[in-house]
Protein backbone atom coordinates (compact mmCIF):
# COMPACT_ATOMS: atom_id res chain seq x y z
CA MET A 1 80.15 46.78 91.32
CA GLY A 2 76.92 44.97 91.07
CA ALA A 3 73.63 46.38 89.82
CA ARG A 4 73.76 50.03 89.15
CA THR A 5 70.31 51.87 87.66
CA LEU A 6 70.60 54.95 84.94
CA PHE A 7 67.53 56.92 83.93
CA LEU A 8 66.79 57.86 80.35
CA ALA A 9 65.60 61.80 80.09
CA TRP A 10 63.74 63.05 76.70
CA GLN A 11 63.67 67.04 75.88
CA ASP A 12 60.51 68.27 73.78
CA LYS A 13 62.23 70.41 71.09
CA LYS A 14 59.19 73.13 71.40
CA SER A 15 58.08 73.31 75.09
CA ARG A 16 61.91 72.47 75.80
CA GLU A 17 60.77 70.48 78.62
CA TRP A 18 62.68 67.29 80.06
CA PHE A 19 60.86 64.20 80.71
CA PRO A 20 62.52 61.16 82.67
CA VAL A 21 61.21 58.39 79.93
CA GLY A 22 62.97 55.15 81.05
CA ARG A 23 64.90 53.08 83.32
CA LEU A 24 67.92 51.27 82.51
CA ASP A 25 69.29 48.54 85.21
CA ALA A 26 72.40 47.14 84.73
CA ASP A 27 74.64 44.32 85.79
CA VAL A 28 77.92 44.51 83.43
CA GLN A 29 79.48 41.76 85.78
CA ARG A 30 76.58 39.30 85.16
CA SER A 31 75.58 40.68 81.43
CA GLU A 32 72.34 41.59 82.75
CA PHE A 33 70.11 44.76 81.17
CA ARG A 34 66.95 45.81 81.59
CA PHE A 35 65.12 48.44 80.18
CA ARG A 36 61.72 49.80 80.80
CA TYR A 37 59.80 53.01 80.06
CA THR A 38 58.65 55.11 83.19
CA GLY A 39 55.43 57.41 83.95
CA GLY A 40 57.57 60.13 82.62
CA ALA A 41 57.19 58.47 78.95
CA GLU A 42 53.60 58.18 79.51
CA ARG A 43 53.21 61.85 80.52
CA ALA A 44 55.09 63.03 77.54
CA GLN A 45 52.93 60.78 75.26
CA LYS A 46 49.89 62.38 76.46
CA GLU A 47 51.31 66.01 76.44
CA VAL A 48 53.79 66.55 73.82
CA GLU A 49 53.55 63.03 71.48
CA PHE A 50 56.81 61.46 72.98
CA PRO A 51 57.88 58.97 70.34
CA LEU A 52 58.79 55.92 71.54
CA THR A 53 62.28 54.68 69.94
CA ALA A 54 63.00 52.00 67.64
CA ASP A 55 65.20 49.74 70.11
CA PHE A 56 61.93 50.06 72.99
CA PRO A 57 59.02 50.14 70.40
CA ASN A 58 56.44 49.34 73.35
CA LEU A 59 55.72 51.16 76.15
CA ARG A 60 54.72 48.66 78.61
CA ASP A 61 57.04 46.25 77.51
CA ASP A 62 59.88 44.63 79.73
CA TYR A 63 62.95 44.87 77.68
CA ARG A 64 65.97 42.57 78.65
CA SER A 65 69.39 41.60 77.04
CA THR A 66 72.79 40.42 77.93
CA GLU A 67 74.40 42.80 76.27
CA LEU A 68 73.78 46.94 76.49
CA PHE A 69 71.06 48.24 74.52
CA PRO A 70 72.30 49.91 71.31
CA LEU A 71 70.40 53.33 72.21
CA PHE A 72 72.82 53.36 75.40
CA ARG A 73 75.83 51.80 73.71
CA SER A 74 75.87 54.17 70.76
CA ARG A 75 76.27 56.86 73.37
CA ILE A 76 79.79 55.50 74.51
CA MET A 77 83.13 56.88 72.64
CA THR A 78 84.57 53.63 71.43
CA ARG A 79 87.61 52.60 73.32
CA GLY A 80 89.91 52.38 70.09
CA ARG A 81 89.70 55.80 69.26
CA PRO A 82 93.16 57.81 69.93
CA ASP A 83 90.93 60.72 71.97
CA PHE A 84 89.63 58.13 74.30
CA ALA A 85 92.03 58.67 77.39
CA ASP A 86 91.22 62.24 76.81
CA TYR A 87 87.69 61.75 76.80
CA LEU A 88 87.56 59.90 80.27
CA ALA A 89 89.93 62.54 81.87
CA HIS A 90 87.44 65.12 80.62
CA LEU A 91 84.74 62.84 82.89
CA ASP A 92 87.17 62.35 85.68
CA LEU A 93 86.98 58.53 84.92
CA ARG A 94 90.01 56.11 85.58
CA ALA A 95 91.16 54.35 82.47
CA GLU A 96 88.95 51.09 83.27
CA ALA A 97 85.82 52.30 83.91
CA ASP A 98 83.06 50.44 82.49
CA PRO A 99 80.21 51.78 80.22
CA ILE A 100 77.83 51.99 82.94
CA GLU A 101 80.42 54.22 84.53
CA ILE A 102 81.04 56.32 81.42
CA LEU A 103 77.15 57.16 80.46
CA ALA A 104 76.37 57.92 84.17
CA ALA A 105 79.32 60.93 83.87
CA ASP A 106 78.78 61.49 80.48
CA GLY A 107 75.39 61.79 79.85
CA GLY A 108 75.07 60.10 76.84
CA HIS A 109 74.59 63.40 74.76
CA ARG A 110 74.39 63.04 71.20
CA VAL A 111 73.20 65.72 67.93
CA THR A 112 70.84 63.22 66.46
CA ASP A 113 68.41 63.65 69.24
CA THR A 114 67.42 65.39 72.49
CA PHE A 115 67.94 62.05 74.82
CA GLU A 116 69.95 62.19 78.03
CA VAL A 117 70.99 59.74 80.44
CA PHE A 118 71.74 60.17 84.48
CA PRO A 119 72.18 57.87 87.29
CA LYS A 120 70.03 57.33 90.08
CA ILE A 121 71.38 59.21 93.02
CA ASP A 122 71.93 57.03 96.08
CA LYS A 123 70.54 58.46 99.58
CA GLY A 124 72.25 57.40 102.46
CA ALA A 125 70.92 56.00 105.91
CA ASP A 126 71.48 59.33 107.24
CA GLY A 127 69.62 61.10 104.31
CA SER A 128 72.77 62.39 102.86
CA PHE A 129 73.68 62.53 99.14
CA ARG A 130 75.77 63.33 96.61
CA CYS A 131 75.67 63.56 92.77
CA ARG A 132 77.71 64.86 89.62
CA PHE A 133 76.80 66.60 86.71
CA PHE A 134 78.24 69.19 84.13
CA LEU A 135 76.96 72.40 84.32
CA HIS A 136 74.02 73.42 82.00
CA GLY A 137 73.82 76.99 80.28
CA TRP A 138 76.62 78.48 80.79
CA ARG A 139 76.94 80.02 77.35
CA TYR A 140 74.06 81.59 77.89
CA THR A 141 75.53 83.76 81.02
CA ASN A 142 77.00 87.16 80.91
CA GLN A 143 80.57 87.57 79.65
CA ALA A 144 81.63 88.87 83.50
CA ALA A 145 80.15 85.20 84.50
CA GLN A 146 81.96 83.47 81.54
CA ASP A 147 84.88 85.09 82.47
CA ARG A 148 85.07 83.80 86.03
CA LEU A 149 84.08 80.34 84.92
CA ASP A 150 87.10 80.48 83.37
CA GLY A 151 88.98 81.29 86.34
CA LEU A 152 87.82 78.43 88.44
CA SER A 153 90.09 75.78 89.77
CA PRO A 154 89.20 71.81 90.95
CA TYR A 155 87.48 72.05 94.51
CA THR A 156 86.44 75.39 94.43
CA GLY A 157 83.53 76.15 96.50
CA LEU A 158 80.42 77.30 94.66
CA HIS A 159 76.82 78.10 95.83
CA VAL A 160 73.17 76.49 95.10
CA ALA A 161 70.17 78.44 94.92
CA LEU A 162 66.69 77.97 93.60
CA GLU A 163 65.74 80.49 91.14
CA LEU A 164 61.71 81.41 90.81
CA THR A 165 61.54 83.34 87.31
CA ASN A 166 63.44 81.33 85.02
CA ASP A 167 61.84 82.03 81.70
CA ALA A 168 62.43 78.41 80.62
CA ALA A 169 61.07 76.57 83.45
CA PRO A 170 59.17 77.27 86.53
CA LEU A 171 61.88 76.46 89.00
CA ALA A 172 65.51 76.23 88.54
CA VAL A 173 68.68 75.75 90.12
CA GLN A 174 71.60 78.29 89.76
CA ILE A 175 74.91 77.03 90.45
CA GLN A 176 76.71 80.52 91.58
CA THR A 177 80.70 81.45 92.36
CA GLN A 178 81.55 82.23 96.15
CA ASP A 179 81.02 85.97 94.94
CA TYR A 180 78.02 85.56 93.56
CA HIS A 181 78.66 85.23 89.73
CA MET A 182 76.09 83.12 88.43
CA ILE A 183 77.37 81.22 85.88
CA GLY A 184 74.90 78.17 84.88
CA TRP A 185 72.28 75.38 86.28
CA ALA A 186 71.74 72.48 87.51
CA PRO A 187 70.20 69.86 84.89
CA ARG A 188 66.41 70.51 84.96
CA TYR A 189 65.50 66.63 85.52
CA LEU A 190 67.19 67.02 89.06
CA VAL A 191 65.42 70.16 90.14
CA LYS A 192 62.65 68.74 91.73
CA ASP A 193 64.88 66.75 94.07
CA LEU A 194 67.13 68.97 94.66
CA MET A 195 64.49 71.61 95.56
CA MET A 196 63.76 69.24 98.55
CA ALA A 197 67.04 69.21 99.54
CA ILE A 198 67.32 72.62 99.77
CA ALA A 199 64.05 73.05 101.25
CA GLU A 200 64.89 70.34 103.84
CA GLY A 201 68.07 71.84 105.03
CA PRO A 202 68.30 75.47 103.85
CA GLY A 203 72.36 76.16 103.45
CA LYS A 204 73.45 72.94 103.87
CA CYS A 205 73.72 72.14 100.07
CA PHE A 206 77.15 72.40 98.78
CA ALA A 207 78.91 71.98 95.64
CA GLN A 208 82.22 72.43 94.23
CA VAL A 209 84.33 72.02 90.90
CA ILE A 210 85.69 68.93 90.11
CA ARG A 211 87.59 69.37 86.54
CA LEU A 212 87.31 72.41 84.33
CA ASN A 213 87.82 71.08 81.07
CA PRO A 214 89.69 72.94 78.25
CA LEU A 215 87.99 74.75 75.66
CA GLU A 216 88.23 72.44 72.87
CA ALA A 217 86.42 69.75 74.70
CA PRO A 218 82.45 69.56 73.74
CA SER A 219 81.13 72.73 75.21
CA ARG A 220 78.33 70.20 77.30
CA GLN A 221 81.52 69.10 79.25
CA ARG A 222 83.00 72.44 80.43
CA LEU A 223 82.50 72.25 84.13
CA LEU A 224 81.88 69.04 86.13
CA ILE A 225 80.44 69.99 89.45
CA GLU A 226 79.59 67.63 92.43
CA LEU A 227 76.85 68.34 94.93
CA LYS A 228 76.44 67.24 98.35
CA GLY A 229 73.40 67.82 100.57
CA ASN A 230 70.83 65.89 102.59
CA TRP A 231 67.27 65.22 101.54
CA GLY A 232 66.01 63.89 105.39
CA SER A 233 62.58 62.25 104.76
CA HIS A 234 62.66 62.66 101.40
CA GLU A 235 62.76 59.97 98.85
CA PRO A 236 64.53 61.07 95.60
CA MET A 237 63.33 59.87 92.17
CA THR A 238 60.26 58.11 93.22
CA ASP A 239 57.60 59.98 91.95
CA GLU A 240 55.66 58.76 89.23
CA ASP A 241 57.39 60.14 86.50
CA PHE A 242 60.46 57.70 88.04
CA GLU A 243 58.48 54.66 88.43
CA PRO A 244 58.62 51.95 85.47
CA LEU A 245 55.39 51.18 84.01
CA VAL A 246 55.56 47.82 84.59
CA GLY A 247 57.27 45.49 87.48
């Protein structure tokens, strides 16, 4: 599949703000892996004292390896586990999915830290894009919304809307059912770029259900969503937070 890019996001527990702090460029076939901190890490250090990881202790080093770095490798379920097939099914992935595909879909969440992984979103020549993510915050919606979520099925359409009055963040992107139950949110680290897509083409951002996982699945993997839109002239994930600190 060639080289692919993932970003590492970190959440400050006190402010609850998310920062894109690192960029992983990976070519699994060539066994080439490269990690660099981004401008978001530098901003997080200044604003909330972001602690550099033990794997990557220097802010301006260019880390390279022939193996996936432990910080990322430890976030993937071991293939030998008996529930590995169910794990891939929850992510809507095929059995031969490689570690980068798994990380991109799963997000690499661990209870021991507040890091999350997400893929760089590619923009087509016509400005179009498509991305997938698990619904955030659904446990904090009202019971009617949760009941409505329980009844969703694959390929059901969803609404995407900007929220300007969110107590936890200045801006948020709501995900709503077709009958306008607000069932949760898009990840906060995607909000700036999604906001530009909504502004560029009002009414032209579309979301749909890909998979509603059973309640016994991890709660963060409850609802897998695909969102499509168009950025026009906007270039996503290119502001200072996403730019590597070394070339």
